[in-house]
Amino acid sequence: MPVDGEHPDHEDEAEMLPDEAAVIAERADSLDELDDDDYLTTDEVADSLGIDLDD
């Protein structure tokens, strides 16, 4: 257990809210169903957000 002002090195899954755990488990299966073409590259996302990665 951390002392006041200290932070633990990792998140404890037991401290995760029940709805967070359910959403993560629910979405994990849908990630497996995606085709590689459904994923965007960092450059594609940056372009869609108007971010110039060359700066």
PDB file of N, CA and C in Angstrom:
ATOM      1  N   MET A   1       0.854  -1.177   0.000  1.00  0.00           N
ATOM      2  CA  MET A   1       0.000   0.000   0.000  1.00  0.00           C
ATOM      3  C   MET A   1       0.898   1.237   0.000  1.00  0.00           C
ATOM      4  N   PRO A   2       0.589   2.209  -0.873  1.00  0.00           N
ATOM      5  CA  PRO A   2       1.437   3.401  -0.935  1.00  0.00           C
ATOM      6  C   PRO A   2       1.232   4.309   0.270  1.00  0.00           C
ATOM      7  N   VAL A   3       2.282   4.983   0.628  1.00  0.00           N
ATOM      8  CA  VAL A   3       2.233   5.985   1.686  1.00  0.00           C
ATOM      9  C   VAL A   3       1.614   7.248   1.096  1.00  0.00           C
ATOM     10  N   ASP A   4       1.029   8.092   1.941  1.00  0.00           N
ATOM     11  CA  ASP A   4       0.412   9.321   1.439  1.00  0.00           C
ATOM     12  C   ASP A   4       1.361  10.054   0.507  1.00  0.00           C
ATOM     13  N   GLY A   5       0.850  10.439  -0.664  1.00  0.00           N
ATOM     14  CA  GLY A   5       1.648  11.176  -1.630  1.00  0.00           C
ATOM     15  C   GLY A   5       2.370  10.285  -2.620  1.00  0.00           C
ATOM     16  N   GLU A   6       2.433   8.986  -2.373  1.00  0.00           N
ATOM     17  CA  GLU A   6       3.063   8.056  -3.302  1.00  0.00           C
ATOM     18  C   GLU A   6       1.990   7.399  -4.154  1.00  0.00           C
ATOM     19  N   HIS A   7       2.399   6.988  -5.337  1.00  0.00           N
ATOM     20  CA  HIS A   7       1.475   6.324  -6.254  1.00  0.00           C
ATOM     21  C   HIS A   7       1.927   4.889  -6.474  1.00  0.00           C
ATOM     22  N   PRO A   8       0.988   3.954  -6.574  1.00  0.00           N
ATOM     23  CA  PRO A   8       1.379   2.569  -6.834  1.00  0.00           C
ATOM     24  C   PRO A   8       1.996   2.444  -8.224  1.00  0.00           C
ATOM     25  N   ASP A   9       2.851   1.437  -8.413  1.00  0.00           N
ATOM     26  CA  ASP A   9       3.511   1.235  -9.692  1.00  0.00           C
ATOM     27  C   ASP A   9       2.560   0.744 -10.781  1.00  0.00           C
ATOM     28  N   HIS A  10       1.482   0.098 -10.414  1.00  0.00           N
ATOM     29  CA  HIS A  10       0.545  -0.436 -11.396  1.00  0.00           C
ATOM     30  C   HIS A  10      -0.883  -0.310 -10.873  1.00  0.00           C
ATOM     31  N   GLU A  11      -1.802  -0.336 -11.824  1.00  0.00           N
ATOM     32  CA  GLU A  11      -3.218  -0.280 -11.464  1.00  0.00           C
ATOM     33  C   GLU A  11      -3.651  -1.655 -10.954  1.00  0.00           C
ATOM     34  N   ASP A  12      -4.344  -1.685  -9.855  1.00  0.00           N
ATOM     35  CA  ASP A  12      -4.858  -2.933  -9.320  1.00  0.00           C
ATOM     36  C   ASP A  12      -6.208  -3.204  -9.955  1.00  0.00           C
ATOM     37  N   GLU A  13      -6.335  -4.351 -10.625  1.00  0.00           N
ATOM     38  CA  GLU A  13      -7.592  -4.680 -11.294  1.00  0.00           C
ATOM     39  C   GLU A  13      -8.748  -4.758 -10.306  1.00  0.00           C
ATOM     40  N   ALA A  14      -8.465  -5.074  -9.062  1.00  0.00           N
ATOM     41  CA  ALA A  14      -9.522  -5.157  -8.058  1.00  0.00           C
ATOM     42  C   ALA A  14     -10.118  -3.784  -7.774  1.00  0.00           C
ATOM     43  N   GLU A  15      -9.356  -2.722  -8.031  1.00  0.00           N
ATOM     44  CA  GLU A  15      -9.847  -1.371  -7.803  1.00  0.00           C
ATOM     45  C   GLU A  15     -10.619  -0.821  -8.996  1.00  0.00           C
ATOM     46  N   MET A  16     -10.693  -1.581 -10.075  1.00  0.00           N
ATOM     47  CA  MET A  16     -11.414  -1.154 -11.266  1.00  0.00           C
ATOM     48  C   MET A  16     -12.919  -1.209 -10.984  1.00  0.00           C
ATOM     49  N   LEU A  17     -13.639  -0.215 -11.436  1.00  0.00           N
ATOM     50  CA  LEU A  17     -15.084  -0.200 -11.248  1.00  0.00           C
ATOM     51  C   LEU A  17     -15.720  -1.349 -12.018  1.00  0.00           C
ATOM     52  N   PRO A  18     -16.798  -1.933 -11.516  1.00  0.00           N
ATOM     53  CA  PRO A  18     -17.430  -3.073 -12.190  1.00  0.00           C
ATOM     54  C   PRO A  18     -17.847  -2.766 -13.619  1.00  0.00           C
ATOM     55  N   ASP A  19     -18.364  -1.568 -13.875  1.00  0.00           N
ATOM     56  CA  ASP A  19     -18.790  -1.255 -15.230  1.00  0.00           C
ATOM     57  C   ASP A  19     -17.593  -1.115 -16.172  1.00  0.00           C
ATOM     58  N   GLU A  20     -16.434  -0.655 -15.663  1.00  0.00           N
ATOM     59  CA  GLU A  20     -15.224  -0.583 -16.483  1.00  0.00           C
ATOM     60  C   GLU A  20     -14.786  -1.982 -16.896  1.00  0.00           C
ATOM     61  N   ALA A  21     -14.789  -2.905 -15.954  1.00  0.00           N
ATOM     62  CA  ALA A  21     -14.374  -4.272 -16.244  1.00  0.00           C
ATOM     63  C   ALA A  21     -15.293  -4.901 -17.285  1.00  0.00           C
ATOM     64  N   ALA A  22     -16.580  -4.643 -17.191  1.00  0.00           N
ATOM     65  CA  ALA A  22     -17.536  -5.198 -18.142  1.00  0.00           C
ATOM     66  C   ALA A  22     -17.329  -4.620 -19.536  1.00  0.00           C
ATOM     67  N   VAL A  23     -17.091  -3.321 -19.620  1.00  0.00           N
ATOM     68  CA  VAL A  23     -16.900  -2.676 -20.919  1.00  0.00           C
ATOM     69  C   VAL A  23     -15.625  -3.184 -21.574  1.00  0.00           C
ATOM     70  N   ILE A  24     -14.557  -3.303 -20.806  1.00  0.00           N
ATOM     71  CA  ILE A  24     -13.297  -3.796 -21.365  1.00  0.00           C
ATOM     72  C   ILE A  24     -13.480  -5.215 -21.894  1.00  0.00           C
ATOM     73  N   ALA A  25     -14.099  -6.074 -21.123  1.00  0.00           N
ATOM     74  CA  ALA A  25     -14.319  -7.454 -21.559  1.00  0.00           C
ATOM     75  C   ALA A  25     -15.215  -7.495 -22.787  1.00  0.00           C
ATOM     76  N   GLU A  26     -16.216  -6.638 -22.833  1.00  0.00           N
ATOM     77  CA  GLU A  26     -17.152  -6.592 -23.953  1.00  0.00           C
ATOM     78  C   GLU A  26     -16.459  -6.128 -25.231  1.00  0.00           C
ATOM     79  N   ARG A  27     -15.598  -5.136 -25.127  1.00  0.00           N
ATOM     80  CA  ARG A  27     -14.927  -4.582 -26.306  1.00  0.00           C
ATOM     81  C   ARG A  27     -13.769  -5.438 -26.793  1.00  0.00           C
ATOM     82  N   ALA A  28     -13.184  -6.235 -25.943  1.00  0.00           N
ATOM     83  CA  ALA A  28     -12.055  -7.076 -26.345  1.00  0.00           C
ATOM     84  C   ALA A  28     -12.458  -8.033 -27.459  1.00  0.00           C
ATOM     85  N   ASP A  29     -13.637  -8.603 -27.367  1.00  0.00           N
ATOM     86  CA  ASP A  29     -14.102  -9.515 -28.410  1.00  0.00           C
ATOM     87  C   ASP A  29     -14.310  -8.797 -29.736  1.00  0.00           C
ATOM     88  N   SER A  30     -14.823  -7.578 -29.701  1.00  0.00           N
ATOM     89  CA  SER A  30     -15.067  -6.850 -30.944  1.00  0.00           C
ATOM     90  C   SER A  30     -13.764  -6.454 -31.634  1.00  0.00           C
ATOM     91  N   LEU A  31     -12.688  -6.278 -30.878  1.00  0.00           N
ATOM     92  CA  LEU A  31     -11.400  -5.965 -31.488  1.00  0.00           C
ATOM     93  C   LEU A  31     -10.883  -7.123 -32.325  1.00  0.00           C
ATOM     94  N   ASP A  32     -11.167  -8.337 -31.896  1.00  0.00           N
ATOM     95  CA  ASP A  32     -10.741  -9.511 -32.648  1.00  0.00           C
ATOM     96  C   ASP A  32     -11.478  -9.633 -33.975  1.00  0.00           C
ATOM     97  N   GLU A  33     -12.660  -9.042 -34.068  1.00  0.00           N
ATOM     98  CA  GLU A  33     -13.471  -9.145 -35.278  1.00  0.00           C
ATOM     99  C   GLU A  33     -13.080  -8.130 -36.349  1.00  0.00           C
ATOM    100  N   LEU A  34     -12.277  -7.137 -36.014  1.00  0.00           N
ATOM    101  CA  LEU A  34     -11.899  -6.113 -36.968  1.00  0.00           C
ATOM    102  C   LEU A  34     -10.891  -6.639 -37.976  1.00  0.00           C
ATOM    103  N   ASP A  35     -11.021  -6.167 -39.208  1.00  0.00           N
ATOM    104  CA  ASP A  35     -10.023  -6.468 -40.224  1.00  0.00           C
ATOM    105  C   ASP A  35      -8.888  -5.471 -40.080  1.00  0.00           C
ATOM    106  N   ASP A  36      -7.721  -5.843 -40.561  1.00  0.00           N
ATOM    107  CA  ASP A  36      -6.584  -4.929 -40.512  1.00  0.00           C
ATOM    108  C   ASP A  36      -6.882  -3.626 -41.244  1.00  0.00           C
ATOM    109  N   ASP A  37      -7.766  -3.677 -42.253  1.00  0.00           N
ATOM    110  CA  ASP A  37      -8.124  -2.469 -43.003  1.00  0.00           C
ATOM    111  C   ASP A  37      -8.941  -1.488 -42.167  1.00  0.00           C
ATOM    112  N   ASP A  38      -9.530  -1.955 -41.053  1.00  0.00           N
ATOM    113  CA  ASP A  38     -10.338  -1.099 -40.197  1.00  0.00           C
ATOM    114  C   ASP A  38      -9.486  -0.235 -39.271  1.00  0.00           C
ATOM    115  N   TYR A  39      -8.212  -0.571 -39.117  1.00  0.00           N
ATOM    116  CA  TYR A  39      -7.324   0.185 -38.238  1.00  0.00           C
ATOM    117  C   TYR A  39      -6.738   1.376 -38.983  1.00  0.00           C
ATOM    118  N   LEU A  40      -6.561   2.482 -38.291  1.00  0.00           N
ATOM    119  CA  LEU A  40      -5.948   3.667 -38.877  1.00  0.00           C
ATOM    120  C   LEU A  40      -4.512   3.786 -38.392  1.00  0.00           C
ATOM    121  N   THR A  41      -3.663   4.316 -39.258  1.00  0.00           N
ATOM    122  CA  THR A  41      -2.283   4.564 -38.853  1.00  0.00           C
ATOM    123  C   THR A  41      -2.238   5.861 -38.053  1.00  0.00           C
ATOM    124  N   THR A  42      -1.131   6.085 -37.402  1.00  0.00           N
ATOM    125  CA  THR A  42      -0.938   7.326 -36.652  1.00  0.00           C
ATOM    126  C   THR A  42      -1.031   8.519 -37.587  1.00  0.00           C
ATOM    127  N   ASP A  43      -0.451   8.410 -38.774  1.00  0.00           N
ATOM    128  CA  ASP A  43      -0.501   9.500 -39.746  1.00  0.00           C
ATOM    129  C   ASP A  43      -1.925   9.799 -40.191  1.00  0.00           C
ATOM    130  N   GLU A  44      -2.722   8.756 -40.407  1.00  0.00           N
ATOM    131  CA  GLU A  44      -4.113   8.952 -40.833  1.00  0.00           C
ATOM    132  C   GLU A  44      -4.927   9.660 -39.742  1.00  0.00           C
ATOM    133  N   VAL A  45      -4.743   9.264 -38.516  1.00  0.00           N
ATOM    134  CA  VAL A  45      -5.467   9.902 -37.407  1.00  0.00           C
ATOM    135  C   VAL A  45      -5.020  11.352 -37.258  1.00  0.00           C
ATOM    136  N   ALA A  46      -3.719  11.589 -37.321  1.00  0.00           N
ATOM    137  CA  ALA A  46      -3.190  12.951 -37.204  1.00  0.00           C
ATOM    138  C   ALA A  46      -3.753  13.831 -38.317  1.00  0.00           C
ATOM    139  N   ASP A  47      -3.768  13.337 -39.537  1.00  0.00           N
ATOM    140  CA  ASP A  47      -4.321  14.104 -40.662  1.00  0.00           C
ATOM    141  C   ASP A  47      -5.783  14.435 -40.441  1.00  0.00           C
ATOM    142  N   SER A  48      -6.565  13.462 -39.943  1.00  0.00           N
ATOM    143  CA  SER A  48      -7.990  13.708 -39.724  1.00  0.00           C
ATOM    144  C   SER A  48      -8.236  14.721 -38.609  1.00  0.00           C
ATOM    145  N   LEU A  49      -7.280  14.851 -37.687  1.00  0.00           N
ATOM    146  CA  LEU A  49      -7.394  15.809 -36.575  1.00  0.00           C
ATOM    147  C   LEU A  49      -6.692  17.127 -36.876  1.00  0.00           C
ATOM    148  N   GLY A  50      -6.051  17.213 -38.042  1.00  0.00           N
ATOM    149  CA  GLY A  50      -5.352  18.435 -38.406  1.00  0.00           C
ATOM    150  C   GLY A  50      -4.040  18.626 -37.651  1.00  0.00           C
ATOM    151  N   ILE A  51      -3.413  17.536 -37.283  1.00  0.00           N
ATOM    152  CA  ILE A  51      -2.147  17.605 -36.539  1.00  0.00           C
ATOM    153  C   ILE A  51      -1.005  17.319 -37.504  1.00  0.00           C
ATOM    154  N   ASP A  52       0.012  18.178 -37.487  1.00  0.00           N
ATOM    155  CA  ASP A  52       1.195  17.976 -38.317  1.00  0.00           C
ATOM    156  C   ASP A  52       2.266  17.294 -37.488  1.00  0.00           C
ATOM    157  N   LEU A  53       2.555  16.037 -37.821  1.00  0.00           N
ATOM    158  CA  LEU A  53       3.514  15.270 -37.042  1.00  0.00           C
ATOM    159  C   LEU A  53       4.971  15.636 -37.354  1.00  0.00           C
ATOM    160  N   ASP A  54       5.185  16.397 -38.413  1.00  0.00           N
ATOM    161  CA  ASP A  54       6.543  16.758 -38.813  1.00  0.00           C
ATOM    162  C   ASP A  54       7.124  17.883 -37.979  1.00  0.00           C
ATOM    163  N   ASP A  55       6.310  18.550 -37.189  1.00  0.00           N
ATOM    164  CA  ASP A  55       6.812  19.666 -36.372  1.00  0.00           C
ATOM    165  C   ASP A  55       7.542  19.193 -35.156  1.00  0.00           C
TER     166      ASP A  55
END
